[in-house]
All heavy atoms as atom14 arrays in JSON, in Angstrom:
{
  "sequence": "FVLVNLAFALILMEADMFSFLNSILGFYSNCAIAWIVTVATDIMVNK",
  "atom14_mask": [
    [1, 1, 1, 1, 1, 1, 1, 1, 1, 1, 1, 0, 0, 0],
    [1, 1, 1, 1, 1, 1, 1, 0, 0, 0, 0, 0, 0, 0],
    [1, 1, 1, 1, 1, 1, 1, 1, 0, 0, 0, 0, 0, 0],
    [1, 1, 1, 1, 1, 1, 1, 0, 0, 0, 0, 0, 0, 0],
    [1, 1, 1, 1, 1, 1, 1, 1, 0, 0, 0, 0, 0, 0],
    [1, 1, 1, 1, 1, 1, 1, 1, 0, 0, 0, 0, 0, 0],
    [1, 1, 1, 1, 1, 0, 0, 0, 0, 0, 0, 0, 0, 0],
    [1, 1, 1, 1, 1, 1, 1, 1, 1, 1, 1, 0, 0, 0],
    [1, 1, 1, 1, 1, 0, 0, 0, 0, 0, 0, 0, 0, 0],
    [1, 1, 1, 1, 1, 1, 1, 1, 0, 0, 0, 0, 0, 0],
    [1, 1, 1, 1, 1, 1, 1, 1, 0, 0, 0, 0, 0, 0],
    [1, 1, 1, 1, 1, 1, 1, 1, 0, 0, 0, 0, 0, 0],
    [1, 1, 1, 1, 1, 1, 1, 1, 0, 0, 0, 0, 0, 0],
    [1, 1, 1, 1, 1, 1, 1, 1, 1, 0, 0, 0, 0, 0],
    [1, 1, 1, 1, 1, 0, 0, 0, 0, 0, 0, 0, 0, 0],
    [1, 1, 1, 1, 1, 1, 1, 1, 0, 0, 0, 0, 0, 0],
    [1, 1, 1, 1, 1, 1, 1, 1, 0, 0, 0, 0, 0, 0],
    [1, 1, 1, 1, 1, 1, 1, 1, 1, 1, 1, 0, 0, 0],
    [1, 1, 1, 1, 1, 1, 0, 0, 0, 0, 0, 0, 0, 0],
    [1, 1, 1, 1, 1, 1, 1, 1, 1, 1, 1, 0, 0, 0],
    [1, 1, 1, 1, 1, 1, 1, 1, 0, 0, 0, 0, 0, 0],
    [1, 1, 1, 1, 1, 1, 1, 1, 0, 0, 0, 0, 0, 0],
    [1, 1, 1, 1, 1, 1, 0, 0, 0, 0, 0, 0, 0, 0],
    [1, 1, 1, 1, 1, 1, 1, 1, 0, 0, 0, 0, 0, 0],
    [1, 1, 1, 1, 1, 1, 1, 1, 0, 0, 0, 0, 0, 0],
    [1, 1, 1, 1, 0, 0, 0, 0, 0, 0, 0, 0, 0, 0],
    [1, 1, 1, 1, 1, 1, 1, 1, 1, 1, 1, 0, 0, 0],
    [1, 1, 1, 1, 1, 1, 1, 1, 1, 1, 1, 1, 0, 0],
    [1, 1, 1, 1, 1, 1, 0, 0, 0, 0, 0, 0, 0, 0],
    [1, 1, 1, 1, 1, 1, 1, 1, 0, 0, 0, 0, 0, 0],
    [1, 1, 1, 1, 1, 1, 0, 0, 0, 0, 0, 0, 0, 0],
    [1, 1, 1, 1, 1, 0, 0, 0, 0, 0, 0, 0, 0, 0],
    [1, 1, 1, 1, 1, 1, 1, 1, 0, 0, 0, 0, 0, 0],
    [1, 1, 1, 1, 1, 0, 0, 0, 0, 0, 0, 0, 0, 0],
    [1, 1, 1, 1, 1, 1, 1, 1, 1, 1, 1, 1, 1, 1],
    [1, 1, 1, 1, 1, 1, 1, 1, 0, 0, 0, 0, 0, 0],
    [1, 1, 1, 1, 1, 1, 1, 0, 0, 0, 0, 0, 0, 0],
    [1, 1, 1, 1, 1, 1, 1, 0, 0, 0, 0, 0, 0, 0],
    [1, 1, 1, 1, 1, 1, 1, 0, 0, 0, 0, 0, 0, 0],
    [1, 1, 1, 1, 1, 0, 0, 0, 0, 0, 0, 0, 0, 0],
    [1, 1, 1, 1, 1, 1, 1, 0, 0, 0, 0, 0, 0, 0],
    [1, 1, 1, 1, 1, 1, 1, 1, 0, 0, 0, 0, 0, 0],
    [1, 1, 1, 1, 1, 1, 1, 1, 0, 0, 0, 0, 0, 0],
    [1, 1, 1, 1, 1, 1, 1, 1, 0, 0, 0, 0, 0, 0],
    [1, 1, 1, 1, 1, 1, 1, 0, 0, 0, 0, 0, 0, 0],
    [1, 1, 1, 1, 1, 1, 1, 1, 0, 0, 0, 0, 0, 0],
    [1, 1, 1, 1, 1, 1, 1, 1, 1, 0, 0, 0, 0, 0]
  ],
  "atom14_positions": [
    [[0.8, -1.21, 0.0], [0.0, 0.0, 0.0], [0.84, 1.27, 0.0], [0.31, 2.35, -0.26], [-0.99, -0.04, 1.16], [-2.09, -1.03, 0.92], [-2.09, -2.26, 1.55], [-3.09, -0.74, 0.01], [-3.08, -3.18, 1.31], [-4.1, -1.66, -0.24], [-4.09, -2.88, 0.4], [0.0, 0.0, 0.0], [0.0, 0.0, 0.0], [0.0, 0.0, 0.0]],
    [[2.12, 1.16, 0.29], [3.01, 2.29, 0.01], [2.95, 2.58, -1.49], [2.8, 3.73, -1.93], [4.45, 1.98, 0.45], [5.41, 3.05, -0.1], [4.56, 1.94, 1.96], [0.0, 0.0, 0.0], [0.0, 0.0, 0.0], [0.0, 0.0, 0.0], [0.0, 0.0, 0.0], [0.0, 0.0, 0.0], [0.0, 0.0, 0.0], [0.0, 0.0, 0.0]],
    [[3.07, 1.54, -2.29], [3.06, 1.7, -3.75], [1.7, 2.15, -4.25], [1.6, 2.99, -5.16], [3.47, 0.38, -4.41], [4.86, -0.14, -4.03], [5.14, -1.46, -4.72], [5.94, 0.87, -4.38], [0.0, 0.0, 0.0], [0.0, 0.0, 0.0], [0.0, 0.0, 0.0], [0.0, 0.0, 0.0], [0.0, 0.0, 0.0], [0.0, 0.0, 0.0]],
    [[0.61, 1.63, -3.66], [-0.73, 2.05, -4.06], [-0.93, 3.54, -3.78], [-1.42, 4.3, -4.63], [-1.8, 1.23, -3.31], [-3.19, 1.85, -3.49], [-1.8, -0.21, -3.78], [0.0, 0.0, 0.0], [0.0, 0.0, 0.0], [0.0, 0.0, 0.0], [0.0, 0.0, 0.0], [0.0, 0.0, 0.0], [0.0, 0.0, 0.0], [0.0, 0.0, 0.0]],
    [[-0.52, 3.98, -2.6], [-0.68, 5.38, -2.23], [0.13, 6.3, -3.16], [-0.34, 7.36, -3.59], [-0.24, 5.58, -0.78], [-1.06, 6.62, -0.06], [-2.28, 6.63, -0.18], [-0.42, 7.49, 0.69], [0.0, 0.0, 0.0], [0.0, 0.0, 0.0], [0.0, 0.0, 0.0], [0.0, 0.0, 0.0], [0.0, 0.0, 0.0], [0.0, 0.0, 0.0]],
    [[1.35, 5.87, -3.48], [2.19, 6.67, -4.37], [1.6, 6.72, -5.78], [1.71, 7.75, -6.46], [3.6, 6.09, -4.42], [4.39, 6.11, -3.1], [5.8, 5.58, -3.31], [4.44, 7.52, -2.51], [0.0, 0.0, 0.0], [0.0, 0.0, 0.0], [0.0, 0.0, 0.0], [0.0, 0.0, 0.0], [0.0, 0.0, 0.0], [0.0, 0.0, 0.0]],
    [[0.97, 5.64, -6.21], [0.35, 5.64, -7.54], [-0.79, 6.65, -7.62], [-0.91, 7.41, -8.59], [-0.15, 4.24, -7.88], [0.0, 0.0, 0.0], [0.0, 0.0, 0.0], [0.0, 0.0, 0.0], [0.0, 0.0, 0.0], [0.0, 0.0, 0.0], [0.0, 0.0, 0.0], [0.0, 0.0, 0.0], [0.0, 0.0, 0.0], [0.0, 0.0, 0.0]],
    [[-1.65, 6.69, -6.57], [-2.73, 7.68, -6.54], [-2.16, 9.1, -6.57], [-2.67, 9.98, -7.27], [-3.58, 7.49, -5.28], [-4.57, 6.38, -5.37], [-4.65, 5.41, -4.38], [-5.47, 6.29, -6.42], [-5.56, 4.37, -4.46], [-6.4, 5.27, -6.5], [-6.45, 4.3, -5.51], [0.0, 0.0, 0.0], [0.0, 0.0, 0.0], [0.0, 0.0, 0.0]],
    [[-1.11, 9.34, -5.79], [-0.51, 10.67, -5.74], [0.06, 11.08, -7.1], [-0.11, 12.22, -7.54], [0.59, 10.7, -4.68], [0.0, 0.0, 0.0], [0.0, 0.0, 0.0], [0.0, 0.0, 0.0], [0.0, 0.0, 0.0], [0.0, 0.0, 0.0], [0.0, 0.0, 0.0], [0.0, 0.0, 0.0], [0.0, 0.0, 0.0], [0.0, 0.0, 0.0]],
    [[0.72, 10.15, -7.76], [1.31, 10.45, -9.07], [0.24, 10.8, -10.09], [0.42, 11.71, -10.91], [2.15, 9.25, -9.54], [2.95, 9.44, -10.85], [3.9, 10.62, -10.73], [3.7, 8.17, -11.19], [0.0, 0.0, 0.0], [0.0, 0.0, 0.0], [0.0, 0.0, 0.0], [0.0, 0.0, 0.0], [0.0, 0.0, 0.0], [0.0, 0.0, 0.0]],
    [[-0.89, 10.09, -10.04], [-1.99, 10.4, -10.95], [-2.5, 11.82, -10.72], [-2.75, 12.57, -11.68], [-3.13, 9.38, -10.76], [-2.7, 8.0, -11.27], [-4.4, 9.84, -11.49], [-3.66, 6.89, -10.9], [0.0, 0.0, 0.0], [0.0, 0.0, 0.0], [0.0, 0.0, 0.0], [0.0, 0.0, 0.0], [0.0, 0.0, 0.0], [0.0, 0.0, 0.0]],
    [[-2.65, 12.21, -9.45], [-3.09, 13.57, -9.15], [-2.1, 14.61, -9.65], [-2.49, 15.66, -10.17], [-3.31, 13.74, -7.64], [-4.62, 13.25, -7.05], [-4.64, 13.5, -5.56], [-5.8, 13.95, -7.7], [0.0, 0.0, 0.0], [0.0, 0.0, 0.0], [0.0, 0.0, 0.0], [0.0, 0.0, 0.0], [0.0, 0.0, 0.0], [0.0, 0.0, 0.0]],
    [[-0.81, 14.34, -9.47], [0.2, 15.28, -9.94], [0.14, 15.45, -11.45], [0.19, 16.56, -11.98], [1.59, 14.83, -9.5], [1.89, 15.07, -8.04], [3.6, 14.72, -7.6], [3.51, 12.96, -7.27], [0.0, 0.0, 0.0], [0.0, 0.0, 0.0], [0.0, 0.0, 0.0], [0.0, 0.0, 0.0], [0.0, 0.0, 0.0], [0.0, 0.0, 0.0]],
    [[0.05, 14.34, -12.16], [0.0, 14.41, -13.62], [-1.27, 15.1, -14.09], [-1.31, 15.65, -15.19], [0.09, 13.0, -14.22], [1.4, 12.26, -13.92], [2.62, 12.87, -14.59], [2.45, 13.8, -15.41], [3.75, 12.43, -14.3], [0.0, 0.0, 0.0], [0.0, 0.0, 0.0], [0.0, 0.0, 0.0], [0.0, 0.0, 0.0], [0.0, 0.0, 0.0]],
    [[-2.31, 15.1, -13.26], [-3.56, 15.79, -13.6], [-3.51, 17.28, -13.25], [-4.51, 17.98, -13.37], [-4.74, 15.14, -12.88], [0.0, 0.0, 0.0], [0.0, 0.0, 0.0], [0.0, 0.0, 0.0], [0.0, 0.0, 0.0], [0.0, 0.0, 0.0], [0.0, 0.0, 0.0], [0.0, 0.0, 0.0], [0.0, 0.0, 0.0], [0.0, 0.0, 0.0]],
    [[-2.34, 17.74, -12.77], [-2.13, 19.16, -12.45], [-3.05, 19.66, -11.35], [-3.73, 20.67, -11.48], [-2.3, 20.03, -13.7], [-1.83, 21.47, -13.48], [-0.98, 21.68, -12.58], [-2.31, 22.37, -14.19], [0.0, 0.0, 0.0], [0.0, 0.0, 0.0], [0.0, 0.0, 0.0], [0.0, 0.0, 0.0], [0.0, 0.0, 0.0], [0.0, 0.0, 0.0]],
    [[-3.07, 18.91, -10.24], [-3.93, 19.28, -9.12], [-3.57, 20.64, -8.53], [-4.41, 21.3, -7.93], [-3.87, 18.22, -8.02], [-2.57, 18.16, -7.26], [-2.73, 17.4, -5.63], [-3.6, 18.66, -4.74], [0.0, 0.0, 0.0], [0.0, 0.0, 0.0], [0.0, 0.0, 0.0], [0.0, 0.0, 0.0], [0.0, 0.0, 0.0], [0.0, 0.0, 0.0]],
    [[-2.33, 21.08, -8.71], [-1.9, 22.35, -8.11], [-2.73, 23.52, -8.64], [-2.94, 24.5, -7.93], [-0.42, 22.58, -8.41], [0.22, 23.6, -7.52], [0.74, 23.23, -6.28], [0.29, 24.93, -7.89], [1.32, 24.18, -5.45], [0.87, 25.88, -7.06], [1.38, 25.5, -5.85], [0.0, 0.0, 0.0], [0.0, 0.0, 0.0], [0.0, 0.0, 0.0]],
    [[-3.22, 23.39, -9.88], [-3.95, 24.5, -10.49], [-5.35, 24.68, -9.89], [-5.94, 25.74, -10.02], [-4.07, 24.29, -12.0], [-4.81, 23.12, -12.29], [0.0, 0.0, 0.0], [0.0, 0.0, 0.0], [0.0, 0.0, 0.0], [0.0, 0.0, 0.0], [0.0, 0.0, 0.0], [0.0, 0.0, 0.0], [0.0, 0.0, 0.0], [0.0, 0.0, 0.0]],
    [[-5.89, 23.63, -9.24], [-7.21, 23.79, -8.59], [-7.13, 23.34, -7.13], [-8.04, 22.72, -6.6], [-8.29, 23.03, -9.36], [-7.95, 21.61, -9.72], [-8.33, 20.55, -8.92], [-7.25, 21.33, -10.89], [-8.03, 19.25, -9.25], [-6.95, 20.03, -11.24], [-7.34, 18.98, -10.42], [0.0, 0.0, 0.0], [0.0, 0.0, 0.0], [0.0, 0.0, 0.0]],
    [[-6.02, 23.7, -6.49], [-5.73, 23.27, -5.13], [-6.8, 23.66, -4.12], [-7.31, 22.82, -3.37], [-4.37, 23.85, -4.7], [-3.98, 23.69, -3.23], [-3.81, 22.22, -2.89], [-2.71, 24.47, -2.94], [0.0, 0.0, 0.0], [0.0, 0.0, 0.0], [0.0, 0.0, 0.0], [0.0, 0.0, 0.0], [0.0, 0.0, 0.0], [0.0, 0.0, 0.0]],
    [[-7.15, 24.94, -4.08], [-8.08, 25.4, -3.04], [-9.45, 24.76, -3.15], [-10.13, 24.51, -2.15], [-8.21, 26.93, -3.09], [-7.04, 27.62, -2.39], [-6.09, 26.96, -1.97], [-7.1, 28.93, -2.3], [0.0, 0.0, 0.0], [0.0, 0.0, 0.0], [0.0, 0.0, 0.0], [0.0, 0.0, 0.0], [0.0, 0.0, 0.0], [0.0, 0.0, 0.0]],
    [[-9.88, 24.44, -4.38], [-11.18, 23.77, -4.56], [-11.15, 22.36, -3.97], [-12.09, 21.93, -3.31], [-11.54, 23.71, -6.05], [-11.69, 25.01, -6.57], [0.0, 0.0, 0.0], [0.0, 0.0, 0.0], [0.0, 0.0, 0.0], [0.0, 0.0, 0.0], [0.0, 0.0, 0.0], [0.0, 0.0, 0.0], [0.0, 0.0, 0.0], [0.0, 0.0, 0.0]],
    [[-10.05, 21.64, -4.21], [-9.9, 20.29, -3.66], [-9.91, 20.33, -2.14], [-10.61, 19.56, -1.47], [-8.6, 19.62, -4.17], [-8.69, 19.34, -5.67], [-8.32, 18.32, -3.41], [-7.43, 18.75, -6.25], [0.0, 0.0, 0.0], [0.0, 0.0, 0.0], [0.0, 0.0, 0.0], [0.0, 0.0, 0.0], [0.0, 0.0, 0.0], [0.0, 0.0, 0.0]],
    [[-9.1, 21.24, -1.58], [-8.97, 21.3, -0.14], [-10.25, 21.78, 0.54], [-10.61, 21.31, 1.62], [-7.8, 22.2, 0.25], [-6.42, 21.75, -0.25], [-5.33, 22.69, 0.28], [-6.13, 20.32, 0.14], [0.0, 0.0, 0.0], [0.0, 0.0, 0.0], [0.0, 0.0, 0.0], [0.0, 0.0, 0.0], [0.0, 0.0, 0.0], [0.0, 0.0, 0.0]],
    [[-10.95, 22.73, -0.08], [-12.2, 23.21, 0.49], [-13.24, 22.12, 0.58], [-13.97, 22.0, 1.57], [0.0, 0.0, 0.0], [0.0, 0.0, 0.0], [0.0, 0.0, 0.0], [0.0, 0.0, 0.0], [0.0, 0.0, 0.0], [0.0, 0.0, 0.0], [0.0, 0.0, 0.0], [0.0, 0.0, 0.0], [0.0, 0.0, 0.0], [0.0, 0.0, 0.0]],
    [[-13.34, 21.29, -0.47], [-14.27, 20.16, -0.46], [-13.85, 19.12, 0.58], [-14.65, 18.65, 1.39], [-14.33, 19.53, -1.85], [-14.88, 18.13, -1.86], [-16.23, 17.9, -1.66], [-14.04, 17.05, -2.04], [-16.74, 16.61, -1.65], [-14.54, 15.75, -2.04], [-15.9, 15.53, -1.84], [0.0, 0.0, 0.0], [0.0, 0.0, 0.0], [0.0, 0.0, 0.0]],
    [[-12.57, 18.76, 0.57], [-12.08, 17.7, 1.45], [-12.24, 18.07, 2.92], [-12.5, 17.21, 3.76], [-10.62, 17.4, 1.15], [-10.04, 16.36, 2.07], [-10.24, 15.01, 1.83], [-9.32, 16.73, 3.21], [-9.74, 14.05, 2.69], [-8.82, 15.77, 4.08], [-9.03, 14.44, 3.81], [-8.54, 13.49, 4.67], [0.0, 0.0, 0.0], [0.0, 0.0, 0.0]],
    [[-12.08, 19.35, 3.23], [-12.1, 19.77, 4.64], [-13.41, 19.43, 5.32], [-13.44, 19.15, 6.52], [-11.82, 21.27, 4.76], [-12.9, 22.04, 4.24], [0.0, 0.0, 0.0], [0.0, 0.0, 0.0], [0.0, 0.0, 0.0], [0.0, 0.0, 0.0], [0.0, 0.0, 0.0], [0.0, 0.0, 0.0], [0.0, 0.0, 0.0], [0.0, 0.0, 0.0]],
    [[-14.51, 19.4, 4.57], [-15.8, 19.09, 5.19], [-15.82, 17.67, 5.74], [-16.33, 17.42, 6.84], [-16.92, 19.28, 4.16], [-17.1, 20.73, 3.78], [-17.58, 21.54, 4.55], [-16.7, 21.06, 2.56], [0.0, 0.0, 0.0], [0.0, 0.0, 0.0], [0.0, 0.0, 0.0], [0.0, 0.0, 0.0], [0.0, 0.0, 0.0], [0.0, 0.0, 0.0]],
    [[-15.27, 16.72, 4.99], [-15.19, 15.33, 5.47], [-14.24, 15.21, 6.64], [-14.52, 14.54, 7.64], [-14.74, 14.42, 4.34], [-15.87, 14.33, 2.94], [0.0, 0.0, 0.0], [0.0, 0.0, 0.0], [0.0, 0.0, 0.0], [0.0, 0.0, 0.0], [0.0, 0.0, 0.0], [0.0, 0.0, 0.0], [0.0, 0.0, 0.0], [0.0, 0.0, 0.0]],
    [[-13.08, 15.85, 6.53], [-12.07, 15.75, 7.58], [-12.55, 16.36, 8.89], [-12.35, 15.79, 9.97], [-10.78, 16.43, 7.12], [0.0, 0.0, 0.0], [0.0, 0.0, 0.0], [0.0, 0.0, 0.0], [0.0, 0.0, 0.0], [0.0, 0.0, 0.0], [0.0, 0.0, 0.0], [0.0, 0.0, 0.0], [0.0, 0.0, 0.0], [0.0, 0.0, 0.0]],
    [[-13.2, 17.52, 8.81], [-13.71, 18.17, 10.02], [-14.75, 17.29, 10.69], [-14.73, 17.09, 11.92], [-14.34, 19.54, 9.67], [-13.25, 20.51, 9.18], [-15.06, 20.13, 10.88], [-13.82, 21.75, 8.51], [0.0, 0.0, 0.0], [0.0, 0.0, 0.0], [0.0, 0.0, 0.0], [0.0, 0.0, 0.0], [0.0, 0.0, 0.0], [0.0, 0.0, 0.0]],
    [[-15.69, 16.74, 9.9], [-16.75, 15.9, 10.47], [-16.16, 14.7, 11.2], [-16.61, 14.35, 12.31], [-17.69, 15.43, 9.36], [0.0, 0.0, 0.0], [0.0, 0.0, 0.0], [0.0, 0.0, 0.0], [0.0, 0.0, 0.0], [0.0, 0.0, 0.0], [0.0, 0.0, 0.0], [0.0, 0.0, 0.0], [0.0, 0.0, 0.0], [0.0, 0.0, 0.0]],
    [[-15.16, 14.08, 10.64], [-14.52, 12.9, 11.25], [-13.8, 13.26, 12.54], [-14.05, 12.68, 13.61], [-13.56, 12.27, 10.24], [-12.64, 11.24, 10.82], [-12.9, 10.35, 11.82], [-11.28, 11.0, 10.44], [-11.79, 9.56, 12.08], [-10.79, 9.95, 11.23], [-10.44, 11.58, 9.48], [-9.48, 9.46, 11.11], [-9.15, 11.08, 9.34], [-8.69, 10.03, 10.16]],
    [[-12.89, 14.23, 12.47], [-12.06, 14.56, 13.63], [-12.9, 15.1, 14.79], [-12.7, 14.73, 15.95], [-10.96, 15.57, 13.25], [-10.02, 14.96, 12.19], [-10.17, 16.0, 14.47], [-9.29, 13.71, 12.65], [0.0, 0.0, 0.0], [0.0, 0.0, 0.0], [0.0, 0.0, 0.0], [0.0, 0.0, 0.0], [0.0, 0.0, 0.0], [0.0, 0.0, 0.0]],
    [[-13.87, 15.96, 14.48], [-14.72, 16.52, 15.54], [-15.57, 15.43, 16.17], [-15.77, 15.41, 17.4], [-15.6, 17.66, 14.99], [-16.61, 18.12, 16.05], [-14.74, 18.85, 14.57], [0.0, 0.0, 0.0], [0.0, 0.0, 0.0], [0.0, 0.0, 0.0], [0.0, 0.0, 0.0], [0.0, 0.0, 0.0], [0.0, 0.0, 0.0], [0.0, 0.0, 0.0]],
    [[-16.04, 14.48, 15.38], [-16.83, 13.37, 15.93], [-16.01, 12.56, 16.93], [-16.47, 12.27, 18.04], [-17.34, 12.46, 14.8], [-18.24, 13.19, 13.96], [-18.07, 11.24, 15.37], [0.0, 0.0, 0.0], [0.0, 0.0, 0.0], [0.0, 0.0, 0.0], [0.0, 0.0, 0.0], [0.0, 0.0, 0.0], [0.0, 0.0, 0.0], [0.0, 0.0, 0.0]],
    [[-14.8, 12.18, 16.56], [-13.97, 11.36, 17.44], [-13.55, 12.15, 18.67], [-13.59, 11.65, 19.8], [-12.73, 10.83, 16.68], [-11.82, 10.04, 17.62], [-13.15, 9.95, 15.51], [0.0, 0.0, 0.0], [0.0, 0.0, 0.0], [0.0, 0.0, 0.0], [0.0, 0.0, 0.0], [0.0, 0.0, 0.0], [0.0, 0.0, 0.0], [0.0, 0.0, 0.0]],
    [[-13.14, 13.4, 18.47], [-12.72, 14.23, 19.61], [-13.88, 14.45, 20.58], [-13.7, 14.42, 21.81], [-12.18, 15.58, 19.11], [0.0, 0.0, 0.0], [0.0, 0.0, 0.0], [0.0, 0.0, 0.0], [0.0, 0.0, 0.0], [0.0, 0.0, 0.0], [0.0, 0.0, 0.0], [0.0, 0.0, 0.0], [0.0, 0.0, 0.0], [0.0, 0.0, 0.0]],
    [[-15.1, 14.66, 20.05], [-16.26, 14.85, 20.91], [-16.6, 13.58, 21.67], [-16.98, 13.63, 22.85], [-17.47, 15.3, 20.07], [-17.14, 16.5, 19.37], [-18.68, 15.55, 20.95], [0.0, 0.0, 0.0], [0.0, 0.0, 0.0], [0.0, 0.0, 0.0], [0.0, 0.0, 0.0], [0.0, 0.0, 0.0], [0.0, 0.0, 0.0], [0.0, 0.0, 0.0]],
    [[-16.47, 12.44, 21.01], [-16.75, 11.18, 21.69], [-15.81, 10.99, 22.89], [-16.24, 10.54, 23.95], [-16.6, 10.0, 20.73], [-17.13, 8.71, 21.34], [-18.34, 8.47, 21.25], [-16.32, 7.95, 21.92], [0.0, 0.0, 0.0], [0.0, 0.0, 0.0], [0.0, 0.0, 0.0], [0.0, 0.0, 0.0], [0.0, 0.0, 0.0], [0.0, 0.0, 0.0]],
    [[-14.54, 11.37, 22.7], [-13.58, 11.22, 23.8], [-13.89, 12.22, 24.92], [-14.0, 11.86, 26.09], [-12.14, 11.39, 23.28], [-11.77, 10.24, 22.35], [-11.16, 11.45, 24.45], [-10.43, 10.41, 21.66], [0.0, 0.0, 0.0], [0.0, 0.0, 0.0], [0.0, 0.0, 0.0], [0.0, 0.0, 0.0], [0.0, 0.0, 0.0], [0.0, 0.0, 0.0]],
    [[-14.02, 13.48, 24.54], [-14.17, 14.53, 25.56], [-15.53, 14.49, 26.25], [-15.61, 14.66, 27.47], [-13.95, 15.91, 24.92], [-12.52, 16.18, 24.46], [-12.27, 17.89, 23.87], [-13.27, 17.9, 22.38], [0.0, 0.0, 0.0], [0.0, 0.0, 0.0], [0.0, 0.0, 0.0], [0.0, 0.0, 0.0], [0.0, 0.0, 0.0], [0.0, 0.0, 0.0]],
    [[-16.59, 14.28, 25.48], [-17.95, 14.38, 26.03], [-18.49, 13.0, 26.42], [-18.89, 12.77, 27.57], [-18.89, 15.07, 25.02], [-20.31, 15.14, 25.59], [-18.38, 16.47, 24.69], [0.0, 0.0, 0.0], [0.0, 0.0, 0.0], [0.0, 0.0, 0.0], [0.0, 0.0, 0.0], [0.0, 0.0, 0.0], [0.0, 0.0, 0.0], [0.0, 0.0, 0.0]],
    [[-18.51, 12.09, 25.46], [-19.14, 10.79, 25.73], [-18.35, 9.93, 26.72], [-18.94, 9.2, 27.52], [-19.34, 10.01, 24.43], [-20.36, 10.67, 23.52], [-21.0, 11.64, 23.9], [-20.5, 10.16, 22.31], [0.0, 0.0, 0.0], [0.0, 0.0, 0.0], [0.0, 0.0, 0.0], [0.0, 0.0, 0.0], [0.0, 0.0, 0.0], [0.0, 0.0, 0.0]],
    [[-17.03, 10.01, 26.67], [-16.22, 9.18, 27.56], [-16.06, 9.84, 28.94], [-16.23, 9.18, 29.97], [-14.83, 8.93, 26.95], [-14.83, 8.02, 25.73], [-13.4, 7.71, 25.27], [-13.37, 6.94, 23.97], [-14.01, 5.63, 24.04], [0.0, 0.0, 0.0], [0.0, 0.0, 0.0], [0.0, 0.0, 0.0], [0.0, 0.0, 0.0], [0.0, 0.0, 0.0]]
  ]
}
């Protein structure tokens, strides 16, 4: 899976992801925030 992960990254680079960076990160942040806040809340509040 080191090789699998590197293959995905190389595909993104060749697709010139740098030119639409902020759009990718803005979309991704919604998933990341939901996940991290859920786990952190479970520890701090539920536990």
